[in-house]
Amino acid sequence: MKVKILLSVLLAMTLAGVSKASAQDIKIGVVDMQQCLNKYYKTKLKVKDVEAQAKGSRAKLDERVADFKRIQVRLGALDKKARDTALSQEARKGAAVEMQQLVQEGRAKERELQEAQRKAQGELLNARQQMEKTLVDEVRVVVNEASKKAGLDMVIDKSFLPRGNKVLVVVTEKVPDLTDAVIAVLNKDAPPEAAAAEEKAADK
């Protein structure tokens, strides 16, 4: 057991020495990925597309909900008719039969509504995930190009680090920040209206 502990200590000391020596040669930069995504003109366009899809899904679901509520209202009227002793036995019986048939239809509509809700939620979730992946991938490409141009070996995302992360404690002016350069490249082909909207938002 003591031999294993000694070997572990020696290994840790060796790795620490290597890391210390290597760190002197590694050029590190930082980037704020969240800010890059927020400032990227395509982000707002993609978000609008997902919002439009969500609006369309809600409209279709609202139609199903309205149809289901109409059945419930009709069931209430039939139930009242079936219990109305002022009506003939035949009329009451007919209302009861119609009500039973409508109950079956209502259950089927309810199942269809629940399935449509699950499907819509799944489609929206996939759309959001795909949107996020597409945007992040596009930003990463620009970050990689910017890091190579700056001669950096490592770029740390300073926006997504947990608050409790002790790795990135201090960032001095000597550490290159690629954020502005990345945003500039991302928006170099932005349409005029997108650029104008960004400038207006910045003035606020």
N, C-alpha and C. Protein backbone atom coordinates (compact mmCIF):
# COMPACT_ATOMS: atom_id res chain seq x y z
N MET A 1 0.83 -1.20 0.00
CA MET A 1 0.00 0.00 0.00
C MET A 1 0.86 1.25 0.00
N LYS A 2 1.95 1.27 0.83
CA LYS A 2 2.84 2.43 0.90
C LYS A 2 3.55 2.66 -0.42
N VAL A 3 3.91 1.54 -1.10
CA VAL A 3 4.58 1.66 -2.39
C VAL A 3 3.66 2.34 -3.40
N LYS A 4 2.37 1.97 -3.39
CA LYS A 4 1.41 2.56 -4.31
C LYS A 4 1.25 4.05 -4.04
N ILE A 5 1.20 4.42 -2.77
CA ILE A 5 1.05 5.83 -2.40
C ILE A 5 2.26 6.62 -2.85
N LEU A 6 3.47 6.05 -2.66
CA LEU A 6 4.69 6.72 -3.05
C LEU A 6 4.74 6.92 -4.56
N LEU A 7 4.35 5.89 -5.31
CA LEU A 7 4.34 6.00 -6.76
C LEU A 7 3.35 7.06 -7.22
N SER A 8 2.19 7.15 -6.55
CA SER A 8 1.18 8.15 -6.90
C SER A 8 1.70 9.55 -6.67
N VAL A 9 2.41 9.72 -5.54
CA VAL A 9 2.97 11.03 -5.22
C VAL A 9 4.01 11.44 -6.25
N LEU A 10 4.90 10.49 -6.61
CA LEU A 10 5.94 10.78 -7.59
C LEU A 10 5.33 11.11 -8.95
N LEU A 11 4.26 10.39 -9.32
CA LEU A 11 3.59 10.63 -10.59
C LEU A 11 2.95 12.02 -10.61
N ALA A 12 2.33 12.39 -9.50
CA ALA A 12 1.70 13.70 -9.41
C ALA A 12 2.72 14.81 -9.51
N MET A 13 3.88 14.61 -8.85
CA MET A 13 4.94 15.62 -8.90
C MET A 13 5.50 15.75 -10.31
N THR A 14 5.62 14.62 -10.99
CA THR A 14 6.14 14.64 -12.37
C THR A 14 5.19 15.37 -13.30
N LEU A 15 3.88 15.05 -13.18
CA LEU A 15 2.89 15.69 -14.02
C LEU A 15 2.81 17.17 -13.75
N ALA A 16 2.95 17.55 -12.48
CA ALA A 16 2.91 18.97 -12.12
C ALA A 16 4.07 19.70 -12.76
N GLY A 17 5.26 19.04 -12.78
CA GLY A 17 6.42 19.66 -13.40
C GLY A 17 6.24 19.84 -14.89
N VAL A 18 5.64 18.81 -15.52
CA VAL A 18 5.40 18.88 -16.96
C VAL A 18 4.39 19.96 -17.28
N SER A 19 3.31 20.02 -16.47
CA SER A 19 2.26 21.01 -16.69
C SER A 19 2.81 22.41 -16.54
N LYS A 20 3.67 22.61 -15.53
CA LYS A 20 4.25 23.93 -15.29
C LYS A 20 5.13 24.35 -16.45
N ALA A 21 5.90 23.41 -16.97
CA ALA A 21 6.78 23.73 -18.08
C ALA A 21 6.00 23.99 -19.35
N SER A 22 4.91 23.19 -19.56
CA SER A 22 4.13 23.33 -20.77
C SER A 22 3.30 24.61 -20.75
N ALA A 23 2.83 24.99 -19.56
CA ALA A 23 1.97 26.16 -19.45
C ALA A 23 2.68 27.41 -19.91
N GLN A 24 3.99 27.44 -19.78
CA GLN A 24 4.76 28.61 -20.20
C GLN A 24 4.73 28.77 -21.71
N ASP A 25 4.50 27.68 -22.44
CA ASP A 25 4.51 27.73 -23.90
C ASP A 25 3.11 27.83 -24.50
N ILE A 26 2.08 27.57 -23.70
CA ILE A 26 0.71 27.57 -24.19
C ILE A 26 0.14 28.99 -24.19
N LYS A 27 -0.40 29.39 -25.34
CA LYS A 27 -1.03 30.70 -25.45
C LYS A 27 -2.56 30.53 -25.30
N ILE A 28 -3.09 31.21 -24.30
CA ILE A 28 -4.50 31.04 -23.96
C ILE A 28 -5.28 32.32 -24.23
N GLY A 29 -6.49 32.18 -24.75
CA GLY A 29 -7.38 33.30 -24.96
C GLY A 29 -8.75 32.99 -24.38
N VAL A 30 -9.63 33.96 -24.38
CA VAL A 30 -10.99 33.75 -23.88
C VAL A 30 -11.99 34.26 -24.91
N VAL A 31 -13.21 33.78 -24.79
CA VAL A 31 -14.30 34.25 -25.64
C VAL A 31 -15.60 34.13 -24.85
N ASP A 32 -16.50 35.05 -25.06
CA ASP A 32 -17.82 35.00 -24.42
C ASP A 32 -18.80 34.44 -25.44
N MET A 33 -18.99 33.13 -25.40
CA MET A 33 -19.85 32.46 -26.37
C MET A 33 -21.29 32.94 -26.28
N GLN A 34 -21.77 33.18 -25.07
CA GLN A 34 -23.15 33.64 -24.89
C GLN A 34 -23.37 34.99 -25.58
N GLN A 35 -22.40 35.90 -25.41
CA GLN A 35 -22.51 37.20 -26.05
C GLN A 35 -22.42 37.07 -27.57
N CYS A 36 -21.57 36.18 -28.04
CA CYS A 36 -21.47 35.94 -29.49
C CYS A 36 -22.80 35.47 -30.05
N LEU A 37 -23.44 34.55 -29.34
CA LEU A 37 -24.72 34.03 -29.78
C LEU A 37 -25.80 35.11 -29.73
N ASN A 38 -25.79 35.91 -28.67
CA ASN A 38 -26.80 36.97 -28.52
C ASN A 38 -26.65 38.05 -29.59
N LYS A 39 -25.41 38.35 -29.97
CA LYS A 39 -25.14 39.42 -30.93
C LYS A 39 -25.20 38.94 -32.39
N TYR A 40 -25.16 37.64 -32.59
CA TYR A 40 -25.18 37.08 -33.94
C TYR A 40 -26.54 37.35 -34.58
N TYR A 41 -26.55 37.98 -35.73
CA TYR A 41 -27.82 38.39 -36.33
C TYR A 41 -28.72 37.20 -36.67
N LYS A 42 -28.13 36.06 -36.96
CA LYS A 42 -28.93 34.88 -37.32
C LYS A 42 -29.71 34.33 -36.12
N THR A 43 -29.22 34.61 -34.91
CA THR A 43 -29.89 34.09 -33.73
C THR A 43 -31.33 34.59 -33.65
N LYS A 44 -31.53 35.90 -33.85
CA LYS A 44 -32.88 36.45 -33.79
C LYS A 44 -33.77 35.87 -34.89
N LEU A 45 -33.19 35.66 -36.06
CA LEU A 45 -33.97 35.10 -37.16
C LEU A 45 -34.40 33.67 -36.85
N LYS A 46 -33.46 32.89 -36.31
CA LYS A 46 -33.77 31.50 -35.97
C LYS A 46 -34.82 31.42 -34.85
N VAL A 47 -34.68 32.31 -33.88
CA VAL A 47 -35.64 32.34 -32.76
C VAL A 47 -37.03 32.68 -33.29
N LYS A 48 -37.11 33.62 -34.23
CA LYS A 48 -38.41 33.98 -34.82
C LYS A 48 -39.01 32.79 -35.55
N ASP A 49 -38.18 32.01 -36.23
CA ASP A 49 -38.67 30.82 -36.94
C ASP A 49 -39.27 29.81 -35.96
N VAL A 50 -38.58 29.60 -34.84
CA VAL A 50 -39.08 28.66 -33.83
C VAL A 50 -40.36 29.20 -33.19
N GLU A 51 -40.40 30.50 -32.95
CA GLU A 51 -41.59 31.11 -32.37
C GLU A 51 -42.78 30.98 -33.32
N ALA A 52 -42.53 31.13 -34.62
CA ALA A 52 -43.59 30.98 -35.61
C ALA A 52 -44.11 29.54 -35.63
N GLN A 53 -43.19 28.59 -35.50
CA GLN A 53 -43.58 27.19 -35.44
C GLN A 53 -44.42 26.92 -34.20
N ALA A 54 -44.00 27.51 -33.08
CA ALA A 54 -44.74 27.34 -31.82
C ALA A 54 -46.14 27.94 -31.93
N LYS A 55 -46.23 29.10 -32.59
CA LYS A 55 -47.53 29.76 -32.77
C LYS A 55 -48.45 28.90 -33.62
N GLY A 56 -47.90 28.33 -34.70
CA GLY A 56 -48.70 27.45 -35.55
C GLY A 56 -49.18 26.22 -34.81
N SER A 57 -48.31 25.65 -33.98
CA SER A 57 -48.69 24.47 -33.20
C SER A 57 -49.79 24.81 -32.21
N ARG A 58 -49.67 25.98 -31.56
CA ARG A 58 -50.69 26.39 -30.59
C ARG A 58 -52.04 26.60 -31.27
N ALA A 59 -52.02 27.15 -32.49
CA ALA A 59 -53.27 27.38 -33.22
C ALA A 59 -53.98 26.05 -33.52
N LYS A 60 -53.20 25.06 -33.94
CA LYS A 60 -53.79 23.74 -34.23
C LYS A 60 -54.32 23.09 -32.96
N LEU A 61 -53.57 23.24 -31.86
CA LEU A 61 -54.02 22.67 -30.59
C LEU A 61 -55.27 23.38 -30.09
N ASP A 62 -55.33 24.69 -30.30
CA ASP A 62 -56.51 25.46 -29.87
C ASP A 62 -57.76 24.97 -30.59
N GLU A 63 -57.62 24.59 -31.86
CA GLU A 63 -58.76 24.06 -32.61
C GLU A 63 -59.23 22.75 -32.00
N ARG A 64 -58.29 21.90 -31.62
CA ARG A 64 -58.65 20.62 -31.01
C ARG A 64 -59.30 20.84 -29.64
N VAL A 65 -58.76 21.79 -28.88
CA VAL A 65 -59.33 22.09 -27.55
C VAL A 65 -60.75 22.61 -27.70
N ALA A 66 -60.96 23.51 -28.66
CA ALA A 66 -62.29 24.06 -28.90
C ALA A 66 -63.28 22.96 -29.29
N ASP A 67 -62.82 22.03 -30.13
CA ASP A 67 -63.67 20.91 -30.55
C ASP A 67 -64.03 20.03 -29.36
N PHE A 68 -63.04 19.79 -28.49
CA PHE A 68 -63.29 18.97 -27.29
C PHE A 68 -64.27 19.67 -26.35
N LYS A 69 -64.14 20.98 -26.21
CA LYS A 69 -65.04 21.74 -25.33
C LYS A 69 -66.47 21.74 -25.87
N ARG A 70 -66.61 21.77 -27.20
CA ARG A 70 -67.96 21.71 -27.80
C ARG A 70 -68.64 20.39 -27.45
N ILE A 71 -67.86 19.33 -27.44
CA ILE A 71 -68.42 18.03 -27.08
C ILE A 71 -68.86 18.04 -25.61
N GLN A 72 -68.04 18.65 -24.74
CA GLN A 72 -68.39 18.72 -23.32
C GLN A 72 -69.68 19.51 -23.10
N VAL A 73 -69.80 20.62 -23.84
CA VAL A 73 -71.02 21.43 -23.74
C VAL A 73 -72.23 20.63 -24.20
N ARG A 74 -72.07 19.92 -25.30
CA ARG A 74 -73.15 19.10 -25.83
C ARG A 74 -73.52 17.99 -24.85
N LEU A 75 -72.53 17.39 -24.21
CA LEU A 75 -72.78 16.35 -23.21
C LEU A 75 -73.58 16.90 -22.04
N GLY A 76 -73.23 18.11 -21.62
CA GLY A 76 -73.96 18.73 -20.52
C GLY A 76 -75.43 18.93 -20.86
N ALA A 77 -75.69 19.36 -22.10
CA ALA A 77 -77.07 19.59 -22.53
C ALA A 77 -77.83 18.27 -22.62
N LEU A 78 -77.19 17.24 -23.14
CA LEU A 78 -77.84 15.93 -23.24
C LEU A 78 -78.11 15.33 -21.88
N ASP A 79 -77.17 15.49 -20.96
CA ASP A 79 -77.36 14.98 -19.60
C ASP A 79 -78.57 15.65 -18.94
N LYS A 80 -78.67 16.95 -19.15
CA LYS A 80 -79.80 17.69 -18.59
C LYS A 80 -81.11 17.21 -19.20
N LYS A 81 -81.07 16.95 -20.50
CA LYS A 81 -82.27 16.47 -21.20
C LYS A 81 -82.64 15.08 -20.73
N ALA A 82 -81.65 14.22 -20.53
CA ALA A 82 -81.92 12.84 -20.10
C ALA A 82 -82.50 12.79 -18.69
N ARG A 83 -82.24 13.80 -17.88
CA ARG A 83 -82.75 13.85 -16.50
C ARG A 83 -84.05 14.65 -16.37
N ASP A 84 -84.47 15.27 -17.44
CA ASP A 84 -85.64 16.14 -17.38
C ASP A 84 -86.92 15.29 -17.37
N THR A 85 -87.54 15.23 -16.24
CA THR A 85 -88.76 14.40 -16.09
C THR A 85 -89.96 15.01 -16.81
N ALA A 86 -89.83 16.25 -17.23
CA ALA A 86 -90.93 16.88 -17.96
C ALA A 86 -91.00 16.37 -19.39
N LEU A 87 -89.94 15.74 -19.85
CA LEU A 87 -89.91 15.21 -21.20
C LEU A 87 -90.45 13.79 -21.21
N SER A 88 -90.77 13.31 -22.40
CA SER A 88 -91.28 11.94 -22.54
C SER A 88 -90.15 10.94 -22.31
N GLN A 89 -90.54 9.72 -21.94
CA GLN A 89 -89.58 8.67 -21.71
C GLN A 89 -88.74 8.41 -22.96
N GLU A 90 -89.37 8.47 -24.12
CA GLU A 90 -88.67 8.23 -25.37
C GLU A 90 -87.62 9.31 -25.64
N ALA A 91 -87.97 10.59 -25.35
CA ALA A 91 -87.02 11.69 -25.57
C ALA A 91 -85.84 11.58 -24.61
N ARG A 92 -86.14 11.22 -23.38
CA ARG A 92 -85.07 11.08 -22.39
C ARG A 92 -84.14 9.92 -22.76
N LYS A 93 -84.73 8.83 -23.22
CA LYS A 93 -83.94 7.67 -23.61
C LYS A 93 -83.06 7.99 -24.82
N GLY A 94 -83.64 8.72 -25.77
CA GLY A 94 -82.86 9.11 -26.95
C GLY A 94 -81.68 10.00 -26.58
N ALA A 95 -81.87 10.89 -25.62
CA ALA A 95 -80.79 11.77 -25.16
C ALA A 95 -79.69 10.96 -24.49
N ALA A 96 -80.11 9.94 -23.71
CA ALA A 96 -79.15 9.09 -23.01
C ALA A 96 -78.30 8.30 -24.00
N VAL A 97 -78.95 7.78 -25.05
CA VAL A 97 -78.22 7.01 -26.06
C VAL A 97 -77.22 7.90 -26.81
N GLU A 98 -77.70 9.08 -27.18
CA GLU A 98 -76.82 10.03 -27.88
C GLU A 98 -75.65 10.44 -26.99
N MET A 99 -75.95 10.57 -25.68
CA MET A 99 -74.91 10.97 -24.74
C MET A 99 -73.83 9.89 -24.63
N GLN A 100 -74.22 8.64 -24.62
CA GLN A 100 -73.26 7.53 -24.55
C GLN A 100 -72.34 7.53 -25.77
N GLN A 101 -72.94 7.75 -26.93
CA GLN A 101 -72.16 7.80 -28.16
C GLN A 101 -71.17 8.98 -28.13
N LEU A 102 -71.65 10.11 -27.62
CA LEU A 102 -70.83 11.31 -27.56
C LEU A 102 -69.69 11.17 -26.55
N VAL A 103 -69.95 10.39 -25.48
CA VAL A 103 -68.90 10.14 -24.48
C VAL A 103 -67.74 9.41 -25.14
N GLN A 104 -68.05 8.41 -25.95
CA GLN A 104 -67.01 7.67 -26.66
C GLN A 104 -66.23 8.58 -27.60
N GLU A 105 -66.96 9.43 -28.30
CA GLU A 105 -66.30 10.38 -29.21
C GLU A 105 -65.42 11.36 -28.42
N GLY A 106 -65.93 11.81 -27.26
CA GLY A 106 -65.16 12.74 -26.44
C GLY A 106 -63.88 12.12 -25.92
N ARG A 107 -63.92 10.85 -25.54
CA ARG A 107 -62.72 10.16 -25.08
C ARG A 107 -61.68 10.04 -26.20
N ALA A 108 -62.17 9.74 -27.39
CA ALA A 108 -61.27 9.64 -28.53
C ALA A 108 -60.64 11.00 -28.83
N LYS A 109 -61.46 12.06 -28.76
CA LYS A 109 -60.94 13.41 -29.00
C LYS A 109 -59.91 13.80 -27.93
N GLU A 110 -60.16 13.37 -26.70
CA GLU A 110 -59.23 13.69 -25.62
C GLU A 110 -57.88 13.00 -25.84
N ARG A 111 -57.93 11.73 -26.26
CA ARG A 111 -56.68 11.01 -26.55
C ARG A 111 -55.94 11.67 -27.70
N GLU A 112 -56.68 12.06 -28.73
CA GLU A 112 -56.06 12.73 -29.87
C GLU A 112 -55.41 14.05 -29.46
N LEU A 113 -56.10 14.78 -28.57
CA LEU A 113 -55.57 16.06 -28.09
C LEU A 113 -54.29 15.86 -27.29
N GLN A 114 -54.28 14.87 -26.40
CA GLN A 114 -53.09 14.59 -25.61
C GLN A 114 -51.92 14.17 -26.49
N GLU A 115 -52.20 13.35 -27.50
CA GLU A 115 -51.14 12.90 -28.41
C GLU A 115 -50.61 14.08 -29.24
N ALA A 116 -51.52 14.97 -29.66
CA ALA A 116 -51.11 16.15 -30.44
C ALA A 116 -50.26 17.08 -29.58
N GLN A 117 -50.59 17.21 -28.31
CA GLN A 117 -49.81 18.05 -27.41
C GLN A 117 -48.41 17.48 -27.22
N ARG A 118 -48.32 16.17 -27.00
CA ARG A 118 -47.00 15.53 -26.85
C ARG A 118 -46.17 15.69 -28.12
N LYS A 119 -46.81 15.50 -29.27
CA LYS A 119 -46.10 15.61 -30.55
C LYS A 119 -45.60 17.04 -30.77
N ALA A 120 -46.46 18.02 -30.47
CA ALA A 120 -46.08 19.42 -30.66
C ALA A 120 -44.93 19.80 -29.74
N GLN A 121 -44.99 19.34 -28.49
CA GLN A 121 -43.92 19.64 -27.55
C GLN A 121 -42.60 19.03 -28.00
N GLY A 122 -42.67 17.78 -28.49
CA GLY A 122 -41.46 17.11 -28.97
C GLY A 122 -40.87 17.81 -30.19
N GLU A 123 -41.72 18.24 -31.11
CA GLU A 123 -41.25 18.92 -32.32
C GLU A 123 -40.61 20.26 -31.98
N LEU A 124 -41.21 20.99 -31.03
CA LEU A 124 -40.66 22.29 -30.63
C LEU A 124 -39.33 22.12 -29.90
N LEU A 125 -39.26 21.09 -29.06
CA LEU A 125 -38.01 20.81 -28.35
C LEU A 125 -36.90 20.48 -29.34
N ASN A 126 -37.21 19.64 -30.31
CA ASN A 126 -36.22 19.28 -31.34
C ASN A 126 -35.80 20.50 -32.15
N ALA A 127 -36.79 21.36 -32.45
CA ALA A 127 -36.49 22.57 -33.23
C ALA A 127 -35.56 23.49 -32.47
N ARG A 128 -35.81 23.66 -31.16
CA ARG A 128 -34.95 24.52 -30.34
C ARG A 128 -33.55 23.94 -30.23
N GLN A 129 -33.48 22.63 -30.00
CA GLN A 129 -32.17 21.99 -29.86
C GLN A 129 -31.37 22.09 -31.16
N GLN A 130 -32.04 21.87 -32.28
CA GLN A 130 -31.37 21.96 -33.57
C GLN A 130 -30.92 23.38 -33.85
N MET A 131 -31.77 24.35 -33.48
CA MET A 131 -31.41 25.75 -33.66
C MET A 131 -30.17 26.10 -32.85
N GLU A 132 -30.16 25.69 -31.58
CA GLU A 132 -29.02 25.99 -30.72
C GLU A 132 -27.74 25.32 -31.24
N LYS A 133 -27.86 24.06 -31.66
CA LYS A 133 -26.69 23.34 -32.17
C LYS A 133 -26.14 24.01 -33.42
N THR A 134 -27.04 24.40 -34.33
CA THR A 134 -26.61 25.04 -35.57
C THR A 134 -25.88 26.35 -35.29
N LEU A 135 -26.45 27.17 -34.42
CA LEU A 135 -25.84 28.46 -34.11
C LEU A 135 -24.50 28.30 -33.40
N VAL A 136 -24.47 27.40 -32.42
CA VAL A 136 -23.22 27.18 -31.67
C VAL A 136 -22.13 26.66 -32.60
N ASP A 137 -22.49 25.74 -33.50
CA ASP A 137 -21.51 25.20 -34.44
C ASP A 137 -20.94 26.30 -35.34
N GLU A 138 -21.81 27.21 -35.79
CA GLU A 138 -21.36 28.30 -36.65
C GLU A 138 -20.43 29.24 -35.89
N VAL A 139 -20.75 29.51 -34.63
CA VAL A 139 -19.90 30.38 -33.82
C VAL A 139 -18.56 29.70 -33.55
N ARG A 140 -18.59 28.41 -33.30
CA ARG A 140 -17.35 27.67 -33.03
C ARG A 140 -16.39 27.73 -34.21
N VAL A 141 -16.93 27.65 -35.41
CA VAL A 141 -16.08 27.72 -36.61
C VAL A 141 -15.32 29.04 -36.65
N VAL A 142 -16.03 30.12 -36.36
CA VAL A 142 -15.41 31.45 -36.37
C VAL A 142 -14.41 31.58 -35.22
N VAL A 143 -14.75 31.02 -34.06
CA VAL A 143 -13.83 31.06 -32.91
C VAL A 143 -12.54 30.31 -33.25
N ASN A 144 -12.67 29.15 -33.88
CA ASN A 144 -11.48 28.38 -34.27
C ASN A 144 -10.60 29.16 -35.25
N GLU A 145 -11.24 29.81 -36.21
CA GLU A 145 -10.47 30.60 -37.18
C GLU A 145 -9.78 31.78 -36.50
N ALA A 146 -10.50 32.44 -35.59
CA ALA A 146 -9.93 33.59 -34.88
C ALA A 146 -8.78 33.16 -33.97
N SER A 147 -8.92 31.99 -33.34
CA SER A 147 -7.86 31.51 -32.45
C SER A 147 -6.60 31.16 -33.23
N LYS A 148 -6.77 30.58 -34.41
CA LYS A 148 -5.61 30.25 -35.26
C LYS A 148 -4.92 31.53 -35.73
N LYS A 149 -5.73 32.51 -36.11
CA LYS A 149 -5.18 33.77 -36.58
C LYS A 149 -4.40 34.48 -35.48
N ALA A 150 -4.88 34.32 -34.23
CA ALA A 150 -4.22 34.96 -33.09
C ALA A 150 -3.08 34.11 -32.55
N GLY A 151 -2.89 32.91 -33.09
CA GLY A 151 -1.82 32.03 -32.64
C GLY A 151 -2.05 31.46 -31.26
N LEU A 152 -3.32 31.20 -30.93
CA LEU A 152 -3.66 30.67 -29.60
C LEU A 152 -3.73 29.16 -29.62
N ASP A 153 -3.34 28.55 -28.50
CA ASP A 153 -3.41 27.10 -28.36
C ASP A 153 -4.68 26.66 -27.66
N MET A 154 -5.27 27.56 -26.87
CA MET A 154 -6.45 27.22 -26.09
C MET A 154 -7.32 28.45 -25.93
N VAL A 155 -8.64 28.26 -26.10
CA VAL A 155 -9.60 29.35 -25.89
C VAL A 155 -10.64 28.88 -24.87
N ILE A 156 -10.79 29.65 -23.81
CA ILE A 156 -11.73 29.30 -22.74
C ILE A 156 -13.00 30.14 -22.88
N ASP A 157 -14.13 29.46 -22.81
CA ASP A 157 -15.41 30.16 -22.86
C ASP A 157 -15.70 30.74 -21.48
N LYS A 158 -15.66 32.03 -21.35
CA LYS A 158 -15.84 32.65 -20.04
C LYS A 158 -17.31 32.88 -19.68
N SER A 159 -18.21 32.60 -20.60
CA SER A 159 -19.62 32.84 -20.30
C SER A 159 -20.31 31.64 -19.67
N PHE A 160 -19.89 30.43 -20.02
CA PHE A 160 -20.56 29.23 -19.54
C PHE A 160 -19.89 28.59 -18.34
N LEU A 161 -18.83 29.20 -17.82
CA LEU A 161 -18.18 28.63 -16.64
C LEU A 161 -19.08 28.76 -15.42
N PRO A 162 -19.24 27.70 -14.64
CA PRO A 162 -20.05 27.79 -13.42
C PRO A 162 -19.46 28.82 -12.46
N ARG A 163 -20.33 29.38 -11.62
CA ARG A 163 -19.87 30.38 -10.67
C ARG A 163 -18.84 29.82 -9.70
N GLY A 164 -18.96 28.53 -9.42
CA GLY A 164 -18.04 27.91 -8.47
C GLY A 164 -16.74 27.45 -9.11
N ASN A 165 -16.60 27.64 -10.43
CA ASN A 165 -15.39 27.19 -11.11
C ASN A 165 -14.21 28.08 -10.73
N LYS A 166 -13.16 27.47 -10.24
CA LYS A 166 -12.00 28.23 -9.77
C LYS A 166 -10.87 28.27 -10.79
N VAL A 167 -11.11 27.71 -11.99
CA VAL A 167 -10.06 27.69 -12.99
C VAL A 167 -9.80 29.10 -13.53
N LEU A 168 -10.88 29.78 -13.90
CA LEU A 168 -10.75 31.12 -14.46
C LEU A 168 -11.08 32.14 -13.37
N VAL A 169 -10.08 32.57 -12.65
CA VAL A 169 -10.27 33.50 -11.54
C VAL A 169 -10.03 34.93 -11.98
N VAL A 170 -8.92 35.14 -12.67
CA VAL A 170 -8.55 36.49 -13.12
C VAL A 170 -8.17 36.44 -14.59
N VAL A 171 -8.67 37.41 -15.34
CA VAL A 171 -8.29 37.54 -16.74
C VAL A 171 -7.73 38.94 -16.93
N THR A 172 -6.44 39.03 -17.18
CA THR A 172 -5.80 40.33 -17.35
C THR A 172 -5.90 40.79 -18.80
N GLU A 173 -5.45 42.01 -19.04
CA GLU A 173 -5.49 42.57 -20.39
C GLU A 173 -4.54 41.83 -21.34
N LYS A 174 -3.61 41.09 -20.77
CA LYS A 174 -2.65 40.35 -21.59
C LYS A 174 -3.30 39.14 -22.26
N VAL A 175 -4.41 38.68 -21.69
CA VAL A 175 -5.10 37.51 -22.25
C VAL A 175 -6.01 37.98 -23.39
N PRO A 176 -5.79 37.52 -24.62
CA PRO A 176 -6.61 37.94 -25.76
C PRO A 176 -8.08 37.54 -25.59
N ASP A 177 -8.97 38.49 -25.80
CA ASP A 177 -10.41 38.22 -25.77
C ASP A 177 -10.91 38.29 -27.21
N LEU A 178 -11.38 37.16 -27.73
CA LEU A 178 -11.78 37.07 -29.13
C LEU A 178 -13.22 37.48 -29.39
N THR A 179 -13.96 37.82 -28.34
CA THR A 179 -15.40 38.04 -28.46
C THR A 179 -15.77 39.06 -29.54
N ASP A 180 -15.22 40.25 -29.46
CA ASP A 180 -15.57 41.30 -30.43
C ASP A 180 -15.19 40.92 -31.85
N ALA A 181 -14.03 40.31 -31.99
CA ALA A 181 -13.58 39.90 -33.32
C ALA A 181 -14.49 38.83 -33.91
N VAL A 182 -14.92 37.90 -33.07
CA VAL A 182 -15.82 36.83 -33.53
C VAL A 182 -17.16 37.41 -33.95
N ILE A 183 -17.71 38.31 -33.14
CA ILE A 183 -19.00 38.94 -33.45
C ILE A 183 -18.92 39.70 -34.76
N ALA A 184 -17.80 40.39 -34.98
CA ALA A 184 -17.62 41.15 -36.22
C ALA A 184 -17.66 40.24 -37.44
N VAL A 185 -17.00 39.10 -37.35
CA VAL A 185 -16.99 38.15 -38.47
C VAL A 185 -18.37 37.55 -38.67
N LEU A 186 -19.05 37.21 -37.59
CA LEU A 186 -20.38 36.61 -37.68
C LEU A 186 -21.37 37.55 -38.38
N ASN A 187 -21.22 38.83 -38.15
CA ASN A 187 -22.19 39.81 -38.66
C ASN A 187 -21.72 40.55 -39.90
N LYS A 188 -20.62 40.12 -40.48
CA LYS A 188 -20.10 40.86 -41.65
C LYS A 188 -21.04 40.76 -42.85
N ASP A 189 -21.83 39.70 -42.93
CA ASP A 189 -22.76 39.53 -44.04
C ASP A 189 -24.21 39.78 -43.61
N ALA A 190 -24.39 40.43 -42.49
CA ALA A 190 -25.74 40.68 -41.98
C ALA A 190 -26.47 41.66 -42.90
N PRO A 191 -27.76 41.42 -43.15
CA PRO A 191 -28.53 42.35 -43.99
C PRO A 191 -28.63 43.72 -43.31
N PRO A 192 -28.83 44.78 -44.06
CA PRO A 192 -28.88 46.14 -43.49
C PRO A 192 -29.87 46.30 -42.36
N GLU A 193 -31.05 45.68 -42.49
CA GLU A 193 -32.07 45.83 -41.44
C GLU A 193 -31.62 45.20 -40.13
N ALA A 194 -30.86 44.10 -40.22
CA ALA A 194 -30.36 43.45 -39.01
C ALA A 194 -29.30 44.32 -38.34
N ALA A 195 -28.44 44.92 -39.12
CA ALA A 195 -27.41 45.80 -38.58
C ALA A 195 -28.03 47.02 -37.93
N ALA A 196 -29.07 47.58 -38.58
CA ALA A 196 -29.74 48.75 -38.02
C ALA A 196 -30.43 48.41 -36.71
N ALA A 197 -31.05 47.25 -36.64
CA ALA A 197 -31.71 46.83 -35.40
C ALA A 197 -30.70 46.62 -34.28
N GLU A 198 -29.52 46.10 -34.63
CA GLU A 198 -28.47 45.90 -33.62
C GLU A 198 -27.96 47.23 -33.09
N GLU A 199 -27.78 48.21 -33.98
CA GLU A 199 -27.32 49.52 -33.56
C GLU A 199 -28.36 50.19 -32.66
N LYS A 200 -29.61 50.03 -33.00
CA LYS A 200 -30.70 50.62 -32.20
C LYS A 200 -30.73 50.00 -30.81
N ALA A 201 -30.54 48.67 -30.74
CA ALA A 201 -30.52 47.98 -29.45
C ALA A 201 -29.32 48.42 -28.62
N ALA A 202 -28.20 48.65 -29.29
CA ALA A 202 -26.99 49.07 -28.58
C ALA A 202 -27.15 50.47 -28.00
N ASP A 203 -27.87 51.35 -28.70
CA ASP A 203 -28.09 52.72 -28.21
C ASP A 203 -28.92 52.74 -26.94
N LYS A 204 -29.83 51.77 -26.83
CA LYS A 204 -30.67 51.68 -25.63
C LYS A 204 -29.86 51.25 -24.43
